[in-house]
């Protein structure tokens, strides 16, 4: 039986679409390289220190817990010129130190990226302090916050942004970005309540490097201005609350959040000094009021989320300005655990824009669907999967066929094929990146 909405772990296999990020195709210029020096704020010595500390914790009763994995992922285009779209190797090192009711957790990534050199280095994934008793849980530091019950689609799950630098080449859990914030939670058995505050939010990371195979085609003589987050001011912080209820056959939550549109709304301008187009990424504040539910019924699990976004920024079709509108967002999903290790999942997401203007790039009503079919074989050591995403409005689609084989409890190898197609939109534009890929992962 899958985890309930209060217990669910981070979804590793879901893949989230980019919705209306690039409003006019071929009008978003490449990101300049000035931000390359900001990527690796954690030195390689930090990873070495973490490994050294872990190796000293050999006693069985030690408060130190060390684990992690090494994985390598490589993908090649199936069409000319058959270039690599992704080629990276990563070491994930995690250290947890317990003391009575509290613990410290640190997670670092050491990455070698052969395609995007500015992604090579050591990055801090998470680092937080956690304290819990029977009535209170406090977590402070860099952490990943997950709300809602959707599989890879965002309705109420708006706190931790997503890294789309390599688009579909990562599991959704790896695409989530941690935020520096505080969480205070009442961990009741039947009712959970939490408050979240993020002083300096982060925005989506987009595939804008010139050497990135996933960046869209851009015009010449153009520059880009996509901020990584708002100014570090108290008024710019994100804050919200979520209350969850766990009944015998129903889990549901009510949530409210003051946040920003993390996906940039693009607005074009002209720089007379550089004689070039400047594309600005707009991130306005907005308020979300929503809820989610999960209900098991025999072999099925019904999932749903709804949310009203107040003051969401939406770009005009001209790409010269934007408006702020109230939008209603609803998702429905059903999971079927059919027996004999078969699993079927389907989701439908719908968005409605109130006070609609025909100048907007988005339609008044827009929708998309995802599905997943999986089968486990060979004593559950081999998992075959088919994942699909369909952008109904743009008649575009993405499909992934994959096989994961557990050689041992610690070693897994995966092979797959990604297919993009359609008439228009982001997914259709990636038809050149239809690819075969291979992945190997070792847990320690």
Protein backbone atom coordinates (compact mmCIF):
# COMPACT_ATOMS: atom_id res chain seq x y z
CA UNK A 1 0.00 0.00 0.00
CA UNK A 2 1.43 3.41 -0.89
CA UNK A 3 2.32 5.99 1.72
CA UNK A 4 -0.45 8.30 2.84
CA UNK A 5 -0.33 12.01 2.24
CA UNK A 6 1.14 12.52 5.69
CA UNK A 7 3.72 9.77 5.29
CA UNK A 8 4.68 9.83 1.64
CA UNK A 9 8.36 9.98 0.86
CA UNK A 10 9.83 12.05 -1.92
CA UNK A 11 8.72 10.83 -5.32
CA UNK A 12 11.80 9.64 -7.16
CA UNK A 13 10.43 8.65 -10.51
CA UNK A 14 7.97 11.44 -11.25
CA UNK A 15 8.86 13.95 -13.91
CA UNK A 16 7.37 17.43 -13.80
CA UNK A 17 6.62 19.40 -16.95
CA UNK A 18 7.63 22.96 -17.69
CA UNK A 19 4.40 24.87 -18.05
CA UNK A 20 4.49 28.06 -20.12
CA UNK A 21 8.04 28.94 -19.07
CA UNK A 22 9.12 30.02 -22.52
CA UNK A 23 6.15 31.96 -23.84
CA UNK A 24 7.47 32.74 -27.31
CA UNK A 25 9.68 30.09 -28.85
CA UNK A 26 13.11 31.24 -30.01
CA UNK A 27 12.81 34.53 -28.13
CA UNK A 28 14.61 33.65 -24.94
CA UNK A 29 18.36 34.23 -25.14
CA UNK A 30 21.10 32.17 -23.59
CA UNK A 31 22.18 32.77 -20.03
CA UNK A 32 25.51 34.46 -19.78
CA UNK A 33 28.28 32.70 -17.95
CA UNK A 34 28.58 35.16 -15.08
CA UNK A 35 26.84 32.85 -12.62
CA UNK A 36 29.22 29.94 -13.13
CA UNK A 37 31.34 30.99 -10.17
CA UNK A 38 28.32 30.89 -7.86
CA UNK A 39 27.58 27.19 -8.35
CA UNK A 40 30.03 25.63 -5.96
CA UNK A 41 29.95 27.43 -2.64
CA UNK A 42 30.92 24.29 -0.77
CA UNK A 43 34.56 23.38 -1.22
CA UNK A 44 35.94 19.97 -2.01
CA UNK A 45 37.53 20.03 1.43
CA UNK A 46 34.01 19.93 2.91
CA UNK A 47 33.28 16.61 1.23
CA UNK A 48 36.63 15.22 2.36
CA UNK A 49 35.92 16.33 5.93
CA UNK A 50 32.51 14.65 5.83
CA UNK A 51 34.02 11.38 4.61
CA UNK A 52 36.75 11.55 7.26
CA UNK A 53 34.23 12.13 10.04
CA UNK A 54 32.16 9.20 8.82
CA UNK A 55 35.07 6.78 8.76
CA UNK A 56 35.77 7.46 12.46
CA UNK A 57 32.24 6.38 13.39
CA UNK A 58 32.78 2.63 13.36
CA UNK A 59 31.31 1.64 16.71
CA UNK A 60 27.91 -0.02 16.55
CA UNK A 61 26.41 2.37 19.11
CA UNK A 62 27.94 5.43 17.50
CA UNK A 63 25.69 8.48 17.11
CA UNK A 64 27.10 8.87 13.59
CA UNK A 65 25.22 7.41 10.62
CA UNK A 66 26.89 7.60 7.23
CA UNK A 67 25.50 6.46 3.90
CA UNK A 68 25.08 7.55 0.32
CA UNK A 69 25.54 6.37 -3.24
CA UNK A 70 27.52 6.76 -6.42
CA UNK A 71 25.66 6.96 -9.71
CA UNK A 72 26.53 7.64 -13.32
CA UNK A 73 24.08 8.64 -16.08
CA UNK A 74 24.74 9.01 -19.82
CA UNK A 75 22.33 9.75 -22.68
CA UNK A 76 22.88 9.96 -26.46
CA UNK A 77 20.61 11.36 -29.17
CA UNK A 78 19.10 8.72 -31.43
CA UNK A 79 19.09 11.18 -34.35
CA UNK A 80 21.88 13.09 -36.09
CA UNK A 81 24.32 14.34 -34.85
CA UNK A 82 24.05 11.66 -32.09
CA UNK A 83 25.55 13.93 -29.45
CA UNK A 84 25.51 13.29 -25.73
CA UNK A 85 22.65 15.15 -24.09
CA UNK A 86 23.75 14.22 -20.57
CA UNK A 87 26.94 12.73 -19.15
CA UNK A 88 27.55 12.98 -15.43
CA UNK A 89 28.81 11.02 -12.43
CA UNK A 90 27.85 11.87 -8.87
CA UNK A 91 28.87 10.95 -5.34
CA UNK A 92 26.20 11.58 -2.70
CA UNK A 93 27.48 11.54 0.89
CA UNK A 94 25.05 11.82 3.81
CA UNK A 95 25.95 12.13 7.48
CA UNK A 96 23.55 12.13 10.42
CA UNK A 97 24.63 12.78 14.00
CA UNK A 98 22.12 11.94 16.76
CA UNK A 99 22.00 13.35 20.28
CA UNK A 100 18.99 12.50 22.47
CA UNK A 101 15.91 14.06 20.79
CA UNK A 102 17.89 15.96 18.19
CA UNK A 103 20.06 15.26 15.19
CA UNK A 104 22.12 17.05 12.55
CA UNK A 105 21.88 16.00 8.91
CA UNK A 106 24.20 16.95 6.06
CA UNK A 107 24.09 15.86 2.44
CA UNK A 108 26.72 16.76 -0.17
CA UNK A 109 26.96 16.07 -3.91
CA UNK A 110 30.30 15.70 -5.66
CA UNK A 111 29.55 15.93 -9.40
CA UNK A 112 31.57 15.45 -12.56
CA UNK A 113 29.53 16.76 -15.50
CA UNK A 114 31.16 16.32 -18.90
CA UNK A 115 28.54 18.40 -20.75
CA UNK A 116 27.96 21.29 -18.35
CA UNK A 117 31.34 22.07 -16.84
CA UNK A 118 29.93 24.71 -14.52
CA UNK A 119 27.96 21.95 -12.80
CA UNK A 120 31.14 20.07 -11.89
CA UNK A 121 32.14 20.45 -8.25
CA UNK A 122 30.82 19.94 -4.74
CA UNK A 123 27.37 21.22 -3.85
CA UNK A 124 25.51 21.32 -0.57
CA UNK A 125 22.28 19.38 -0.99
CA UNK A 126 20.81 19.59 2.53
CA UNK A 127 22.10 20.66 5.95
CA UNK A 128 19.71 21.09 8.87
CA UNK A 129 19.17 20.67 12.60
CA UNK A 130 16.12 18.69 13.74
CA UNK A 131 14.62 18.44 17.23
CA UNK A 132 11.51 16.43 18.12
CA UNK A 133 9.55 15.43 21.20
CA UNK A 134 6.00 14.17 21.64
CA UNK A 135 4.48 17.58 20.97
CA UNK A 136 6.88 19.51 18.78
CA UNK A 137 9.27 19.10 15.88
CA UNK A 138 11.63 21.89 14.81
CA UNK A 139 13.80 21.81 11.70
CA UNK A 140 16.13 24.67 10.73
CA UNK A 141 18.52 24.90 7.81
CA UNK A 142 18.70 23.83 4.16
CA UNK A 143 15.93 21.29 3.61
CA UNK A 144 13.52 19.92 1.01
CA UNK A 145 9.84 20.57 1.75
CA UNK A 146 7.21 18.36 0.09
CA UNK A 147 3.49 19.11 0.20
CA UNK A 148 0.61 17.41 -1.59
CA UNK A 149 0.00 13.96 -3.05
CA UNK A 150 0.59 14.49 -6.79
CA UNK A 151 3.19 12.44 -8.67
CA UNK A 152 5.56 14.99 -10.19
CA UNK A 153 2.95 17.71 -10.85
CA UNK A 154 2.78 20.86 -8.74
CA UNK A 155 -0.47 22.16 -7.27
CA UNK A 156 0.12 22.79 -3.56
CA UNK A 157 3.76 21.64 -3.59
CA UNK A 158 5.20 25.13 -4.17
CA UNK A 159 7.94 25.59 -1.55
CA UNK A 160 10.95 23.66 -2.90
CA UNK A 161 11.70 24.70 -6.50
CA UNK A 162 12.85 22.41 -9.30
CA UNK A 163 16.17 22.24 -11.16
CA UNK A 164 15.41 21.94 -14.89
CA UNK A 165 19.03 22.46 -15.99
CA UNK A 166 19.08 19.00 -17.56
CA UNK A 167 15.31 18.81 -17.92
CA UNK A 168 14.10 15.18 -17.96
CA UNK A 169 17.40 13.45 -17.29
CA UNK A 170 16.99 13.25 -13.50
CA UNK A 171 14.52 11.59 -11.18
CA UNK A 172 12.06 14.11 -9.76
CA UNK A 173 13.51 13.70 -6.26
CA UNK A 174 16.92 14.74 -7.59
CA UNK A 175 15.37 17.72 -9.37
CA UNK A 176 13.96 19.14 -6.15
CA UNK A 177 16.01 22.00 -4.73
CA UNK A 178 16.38 22.51 -1.00
CA UNK A 179 15.52 25.86 0.57
CA UNK A 180 17.03 27.60 3.59
CA UNK A 181 14.20 27.83 6.07
CA UNK A 182 12.48 26.90 9.31
CA UNK A 183 9.71 24.37 9.99
CA UNK A 184 7.77 24.02 13.23
CA UNK A 185 5.47 21.01 13.37
CA UNK A 186 3.01 19.40 15.75
CA UNK A 187 3.44 15.65 15.01
CA UNK A 188 0.13 14.23 16.22
CA UNK A 189 -1.10 10.75 15.33
CA UNK A 190 -4.41 11.93 13.90
CA UNK A 191 -3.58 15.57 13.20
CA UNK A 192 -0.35 17.19 12.03
CA UNK A 193 0.14 20.94 11.83
CA UNK A 194 3.19 22.76 10.51
CA UNK A 195 4.42 26.27 9.88
CA UNK A 196 7.11 26.98 7.28
CA UNK A 197 9.18 30.13 6.81
CA UNK A 198 11.78 30.61 4.05
CA UNK A 199 13.58 33.97 4.48
CA UNK A 200 15.23 33.92 1.03
CA UNK A 201 13.32 31.78 -1.51
CA UNK A 202 14.91 30.17 -4.55
CA UNK A 203 13.58 30.03 -8.10
CA UNK A 204 13.64 27.33 -10.77
CA UNK A 205 16.99 26.73 -12.44
CA UNK A 206 16.52 26.75 -16.19
CA UNK A 207 18.53 25.18 -19.06
CA UNK A 208 19.99 28.43 -20.36
CA UNK A 209 23.73 27.69 -20.73
CA UNK A 210 24.95 28.03 -24.30
CA UNK A 211 26.48 24.53 -24.28
CA UNK A 212 23.38 22.94 -22.76
CA UNK A 213 21.62 20.54 -25.20
CA UNK A 214 18.35 21.25 -23.37
CA UNK A 215 18.24 24.99 -23.87
CA UNK A 216 15.78 26.29 -26.47
CA UNK A 217 16.92 27.88 -29.71
CA UNK A 218 17.53 31.57 -29.09
CA UNK A 219 18.00 34.67 -31.26
CA UNK A 220 21.35 36.34 -31.80
CA UNK A 221 22.35 39.53 -29.99
CA UNK A 222 20.35 38.70 -26.93
CA UNK A 223 21.02 38.57 -23.21
CA UNK A 224 19.12 37.20 -20.27
CA UNK A 225 18.30 38.34 -16.76
CA UNK A 226 16.95 35.45 -14.71
CA UNK A 227 17.40 36.00 -10.97
CA UNK A 228 18.14 33.06 -8.70
CA UNK A 229 15.90 34.49 -5.98
CA UNK A 230 14.48 37.75 -4.60
CA UNK A 231 16.44 40.28 -2.58
CA UNK A 232 17.24 39.14 0.95
CA UNK A 233 14.55 41.17 2.69
CA UNK A 234 12.02 40.08 5.29
CA UNK A 235 9.10 41.11 3.10
CA UNK A 236 10.31 38.80 0.32
CA UNK A 237 10.22 35.64 2.42
CA UNK A 238 7.86 32.72 1.77
CA UNK A 239 5.69 31.53 4.64
CA UNK A 240 2.80 29.14 5.00
CA UNK A 241 0.99 26.55 7.06
CA UNK A 242 -0.44 23.09 6.48
CA UNK A 243 -2.78 21.03 8.65
CA UNK A 244 -3.13 17.30 7.89
CA UNK A 245 -5.76 14.85 9.14
CA UNK A 246 -5.38 11.06 9.16
CA UNK A 247 -8.62 9.07 9.34
CA UNK A 248 -9.15 5.33 9.04
CA UNK A 249 -9.76 5.45 5.27
CA UNK A 250 -8.98 9.04 4.31
CA UNK A 251 -6.04 11.41 4.62
CA UNK A 252 -6.49 15.07 3.75
CA UNK A 253 -4.72 18.39 4.26
CA UNK A 254 -5.52 22.09 4.12
CA UNK A 255 -2.71 24.50 3.24
CA UNK A 256 -2.02 28.20 2.76
CA UNK A 257 1.17 29.74 1.40
CA UNK A 258 2.49 33.19 0.56
CA UNK A 259 5.11 32.57 -2.13
CA UNK A 260 6.43 33.59 -5.57
CA UNK A 261 5.89 32.14 -9.02
CA UNK A 262 9.11 30.10 -9.04
CA UNK A 263 8.90 29.44 -12.77
CA UNK A 264 9.90 32.67 -14.56
CA UNK A 265 7.43 34.65 -16.62
CA UNK A 266 9.52 36.01 -19.51
CA UNK A 267 9.25 39.64 -20.60
CA UNK A 268 11.42 41.00 -23.42
CA UNK A 269 13.04 44.42 -23.46
CA UNK A 270 15.69 46.32 -25.41
CA UNK A 271 19.12 47.41 -24.18
CA UNK A 272 20.29 50.36 -26.33
CA UNK A 273 23.79 50.25 -24.86
CA UNK A 274 24.35 46.63 -25.90
CA UNK A 275 22.01 46.95 -28.90
CA UNK A 276 20.42 43.66 -27.88
CA UNK A 277 17.24 42.07 -26.64
CA UNK A 278 17.07 41.47 -22.90
CA UNK A 279 14.78 38.77 -21.58
CA UNK A 280 13.78 39.32 -17.96
CA UNK A 281 12.50 36.57 -15.70
CA UNK A 282 9.60 37.91 -13.66
CA UNK A 283 8.81 36.40 -10.24
CA UNK A 284 5.91 38.07 -8.46
CA UNK A 285 4.46 37.24 -5.06
CA UNK A 286 1.21 35.30 -4.90
CA UNK A 287 -0.95 33.53 -2.33
CA UNK A 288 -2.03 29.89 -2.52
CA UNK A 289 -5.00 28.41 -0.66
CA UNK A 290 -5.47 24.70 -1.28
CA UNK A 291 -5.86 21.17 -0.08
CA UNK A 292 -5.15 17.55 -0.93
CA UNK A 293 -6.61 14.12 -0.20
CA UNK A 294 -5.70 10.46 -0.52
CA UNK A 295 -8.18 7.62 -0.14
CA UNK A 296 -7.50 3.85 -0.47
CA UNK A 297 -10.35 1.76 -1.88
CA UNK A 298 -9.37 -1.88 -2.19
CA UNK A 299 -6.69 -2.19 -4.86
CA UNK A 300 -7.08 1.49 -5.75
CA UNK A 301 -5.87 4.77 -4.27
CA UNK A 302 -7.67 7.99 -5.20
CA UNK A 303 -5.65 11.21 -5.00
CA UNK A 304 -6.66 14.81 -5.47
CA UNK A 305 -5.40 18.36 -5.04
CA UNK A 306 -7.00 21.76 -5.53
CA UNK A 307 -5.57 25.23 -5.12
CA UNK A 308 -6.52 28.82 -5.82
CA UNK A 309 -3.59 31.07 -6.76
CA UNK A 310 -4.28 34.72 -5.99
CA UNK A 311 -2.26 37.18 -8.09
CA UNK A 312 -0.35 34.64 -10.21
CA UNK A 313 1.91 36.28 -12.82
CA UNK A 314 1.03 35.28 -16.40
CA UNK A 315 2.82 36.50 -19.53
CA UNK A 316 1.24 38.09 -22.57
CA UNK A 317 1.55 36.45 -25.98
CA UNK A 318 3.55 39.47 -27.18
CA UNK A 319 6.19 38.63 -24.57
CA UNK A 320 6.37 42.35 -23.78
CA UNK A 321 4.41 42.47 -20.53
CA UNK A 322 2.54 40.35 -18.02
CA UNK A 323 -0.62 40.39 -15.94
CA UNK A 324 -1.57 39.09 -12.50
CA UNK A 325 -4.66 36.89 -12.37
CA UNK A 326 -6.42 34.54 -10.00
CA UNK A 327 -6.25 30.95 -11.21
CA UNK A 328 -7.92 27.73 -10.08
CA UNK A 329 -5.86 24.54 -10.28
CA UNK A 330 -7.21 21.02 -9.78
CA UNK A 331 -5.64 17.57 -10.05
CA UNK A 332 -7.19 14.12 -9.88
CA UNK A 333 -5.35 10.84 -9.90
CA UNK A 334 -5.91 7.14 -9.44
CA UNK A 335 -3.41 4.39 -8.67
CA UNK A 336 -4.28 0.74 -9.26
CA UNK A 337 -2.19 -1.97 -7.60
CA UNK A 338 -3.56 -4.76 -9.74
CA UNK A 339 -1.69 -7.68 -8.25
CA UNK A 340 1.03 -9.86 -9.74
CA UNK A 341 3.35 -6.82 -9.32
CA UNK A 342 1.46 -4.64 -11.81
CA UNK A 343 0.92 -0.93 -11.07
CA UNK A 344 -1.11 1.58 -13.10
CA UNK A 345 -1.28 5.32 -12.45
CA UNK A 346 -3.03 8.18 -14.25
CA UNK A 347 -3.31 11.89 -13.37
CA UNK A 348 -5.19 14.82 -14.88
CA UNK A 349 -4.35 18.49 -14.15
CA UNK A 350 -6.56 21.41 -15.11
CA UNK A 351 -5.97 25.16 -14.83
CA UNK A 352 -8.62 27.90 -15.15
CA UNK A 353 -7.76 31.61 -15.43
CA UNK A 354 -10.36 34.01 -14.02
CA UNK A 355 -10.97 37.43 -15.57
CA UNK A 356 -9.35 36.11 -18.73
CA UNK A 357 -7.77 38.33 -21.38
CA UNK A 358 -7.10 37.11 -24.92
CA UNK A 359 -3.75 38.88 -24.82
CA UNK A 360 -2.41 36.22 -22.49
CA UNK A 361 -0.13 33.51 -23.85
CA UNK A 362 -1.93 30.81 -21.87
CA UNK A 363 -5.41 29.55 -22.71
CA UNK A 364 -8.32 30.26 -20.40
CA UNK A 365 -8.55 26.53 -19.70
CA UNK A 366 -5.43 24.38 -20.00
CA UNK A 367 -4.79 20.77 -19.08
CA UNK A 368 -2.30 17.93 -19.15
CA UNK A 369 -2.18 14.27 -18.25
CA UNK A 370 0.41 11.80 -17.02
CA UNK A 371 0.35 8.03 -16.74
CA UNK A 372 2.63 5.29 -15.51
CA UNK A 373 2.57 1.51 -16.02
CA UNK A 374 5.08 -0.75 -14.27
CA UNK A 375 5.67 -4.46 -13.81
CA UNK A 376 8.14 -6.21 -11.52
CA UNK A 377 9.71 -9.53 -12.56
CA UNK A 378 12.40 -11.99 -11.46
CA UNK A 379 11.54 -11.92 -7.76
CA UNK A 380 11.15 -8.14 -7.89
CA UNK A 381 14.71 -7.58 -9.11
CA UNK A 382 13.62 -6.31 -12.55
CA UNK A 383 11.18 -3.42 -12.97
CA UNK A 384 9.86 -2.45 -16.41
CA UNK A 385 8.14 0.93 -16.68
CA UNK A 386 6.39 3.16 -19.18
CA UNK A 387 5.82 6.80 -18.22
CA UNK A 388 3.96 9.30 -20.37
CA UNK A 389 3.05 12.97 -20.24
CA UNK A 390 0.62 14.66 -22.64
CA UNK A 391 0.30 18.44 -23.04
CA UNK A 392 -3.30 18.53 -24.25
CA UNK A 393 -3.36 22.18 -25.33
CA UNK A 394 -0.17 21.99 -27.42
CA UNK A 395 -0.78 18.41 -28.60
CA UNK A 396 2.72 17.51 -27.43
CA UNK A 397 3.94 14.49 -25.51
CA UNK A 398 6.85 12.84 -23.73
CA UNK A 399 7.31 9.11 -23.13
CA UNK A 400 9.96 7.17 -21.23
CA UNK A 401 10.48 3.41 -21.46
CA UNK A 402 12.85 2.05 -18.84
CA UNK A 403 14.10 -1.07 -17.15
CA UNK A 404 15.73 -1.17 -13.70
CA UNK A 405 17.61 -4.29 -12.63
CA UNK A 406 18.86 -4.82 -9.08
CA UNK A 407 22.06 -6.81 -9.43
CA UNK A 408 22.38 -6.86 -5.64
CA UNK A 409 20.83 -4.90 -2.80
CA UNK A 410 23.49 -2.25 -3.41
CA UNK A 411 23.91 -2.23 -7.19
CA UNK A 412 21.31 -1.23 -9.77
CA UNK A 413 21.62 -0.75 -13.52
CA UNK A 414 19.02 0.96 -15.71
CA UNK A 415 18.44 1.36 -19.44
CA UNK A 416 15.83 3.44 -21.20
CA UNK A 417 14.57 5.48 -24.12
CA UNK A 418 13.03 8.99 -24.06
CA UNK A 419 10.76 10.14 -26.87
CA UNK A 420 9.52 13.70 -27.47
CA UNK A 421 7.02 14.82 -30.08
CA UNK A 422 3.97 16.89 -30.91
CA UNK A 423 2.85 19.97 -32.81
CA UNK A 424 4.10 22.84 -30.64
CA UNK A 425 5.30 23.81 -27.20
CA UNK A 426 8.24 22.81 -25.02
CA UNK A 427 7.93 19.05 -25.40
CA UNK A 428 7.58 19.21 -29.18
CA UNK A 429 10.68 21.40 -29.37
CA UNK A 430 12.75 18.66 -27.77
CA UNK A 431 12.16 16.14 -30.56
CA UNK A 432 15.85 16.54 -31.47
CA UNK A 433 16.72 15.11 -28.05
CA UNK A 434 15.06 11.74 -28.44
CA UNK A 435 17.61 9.63 -26.65
CA UNK A 436 18.74 6.32 -25.27
CA UNK A 437 20.29 6.36 -21.83
CA UNK A 438 22.04 4.15 -19.31
CA UNK A 439 22.46 4.54 -15.57
CA UNK A 440 24.31 2.63 -12.86
CA UNK A 441 23.97 3.20 -9.12
CA UNK A 442 25.83 1.84 -6.10
CA UNK A 443 24.50 2.38 -2.56
CA UNK A 444 26.73 2.34 0.49
